[in-house]
């Protein structure tokens, strides 16, 4: 009977150790995922900022083209451009 309880005790200890290893693995994976999420969000913010700058530059460029076209049409008459 003592042997039976010794075997059960050993199995319980093994299960506890395995549980601790699993908890540690989960924490490591959670930290890795959090770091990855943080990096992706930082890269995404950078891309959005770059897109915003590009859109503003392109909008400004087309505004200048439109103003030049109107100026040209006013000076030369007609709308052949």
Protein backbone atom coordinates (compact mmCIF):
# COMPACT_ATOMS: atom_id res chain seq x y z
CA UNK A 1 0.00 0.00 0.00
CA UNK A 2 2.88 2.35 0.81
CA UNK A 3 4.39 1.63 -2.61
CA UNK A 4 1.09 2.59 -4.26
CA UNK A 5 1.03 5.96 -2.49
CA UNK A 6 4.70 6.52 -3.32
CA UNK A 7 3.96 5.94 -7.01
CA UNK A 8 1.00 8.31 -6.88
CA UNK A 9 3.08 10.94 -5.09
CA UNK A 10 5.81 10.68 -7.75
CA UNK A 11 3.21 11.02 -10.51
CA UNK A 12 1.72 14.08 -8.80
CA UNK A 13 5.17 15.65 -8.52
CA UNK A 14 5.86 14.92 -12.20
CA UNK A 15 2.54 16.46 -13.16
CA UNK A 16 3.31 19.57 -11.09
CA UNK A 17 6.71 19.95 -12.74
CA UNK A 18 5.16 19.53 -16.19
CA UNK A 19 2.51 22.11 -15.29
CA UNK A 20 5.21 24.60 -14.23
CA UNK A 21 7.08 24.04 -17.50
CA UNK A 22 3.87 24.57 -19.47
CA UNK A 23 3.06 27.78 -17.58
CA UNK A 24 6.58 29.07 -18.26
CA UNK A 25 6.23 28.22 -21.97
CA UNK A 26 2.89 30.00 -22.15
CA UNK A 27 4.34 33.10 -20.50
CA UNK A 28 7.27 33.11 -22.93
CA UNK A 29 4.96 32.75 -25.92
CA UNK A 30 2.67 35.47 -24.60
CA UNK A 31 5.66 37.80 -24.19
CA UNK A 32 6.87 36.95 -27.70
CA UNK A 33 3.42 37.65 -29.12
CA UNK A 34 3.20 40.95 -27.24
CA UNK A 35 6.62 42.01 -28.54
CA UNK A 36 5.68 41.00 -32.07
CA UNK A 37 2.42 42.93 -31.82
CA UNK A 38 4.29 45.99 -30.56
CA UNK A 39 6.78 45.79 -33.46
CA UNK A 40 4.04 45.34 -36.06
CA UNK A 41 2.08 48.30 -34.71
CA UNK A 42 5.19 50.48 -34.74
CA UNK A 43 5.89 49.52 -38.37
CA UNK A 44 2.25 50.12 -39.28
CA UNK A 45 2.33 53.59 -37.71
CA UNK A 46 5.45 54.37 -39.74
CA UNK A 47 3.79 53.20 -42.96
CA UNK A 48 0.63 55.20 -42.27
CA UNK A 49 2.73 58.29 -41.57
CA UNK A 50 4.68 57.78 -44.81
CA UNK A 51 1.45 57.29 -46.77
CA UNK A 52 0.04 60.45 -45.24
CA UNK A 53 3.12 62.44 -46.26
CA UNK A 54 2.97 61.00 -49.78
CA UNK A 55 -0.73 61.79 -50.13
CA UNK A 56 -0.15 65.37 -48.96
CA UNK A 57 2.73 65.80 -51.41
CA UNK A 58 0.70 64.39 -54.31
CA UNK A 59 -2.30 66.55 -53.41
CA UNK A 60 -0.05 69.61 -53.30
CA UNK A 61 1.47 68.64 -56.65
CA UNK A 62 -1.94 68.36 -58.30
CA UNK A 63 -3.05 71.64 -56.74
CA UNK A 64 -0.02 73.33 -58.29
CA UNK A 65 -0.77 71.72 -61.68
CA UNK A 66 -4.37 72.89 -61.50
CA UNK A 67 -3.31 76.45 -60.62
CA UNK A 68 -0.77 76.49 -63.46
CA UNK A 69 -3.35 75.20 -65.92
CA UNK A 70 -5.85 77.87 -64.88
CA UNK A 71 -3.14 80.52 -65.15
CA UNK A 72 -2.14 79.25 -68.58
CA UNK A 73 -5.75 79.19 -69.76
CA UNK A 74 -6.32 82.70 -68.47
CA UNK A 75 -3.26 84.03 -70.28
CA UNK A 76 -3.76 82.17 -73.53
CA UNK A 77 -7.49 81.78 -73.63
CA UNK A 78 -9.31 78.54 -74.37
CA UNK A 79 -9.07 75.18 -72.79
CA UNK A 80 -6.92 73.22 -75.21
CA UNK A 81 -4.67 71.85 -72.41
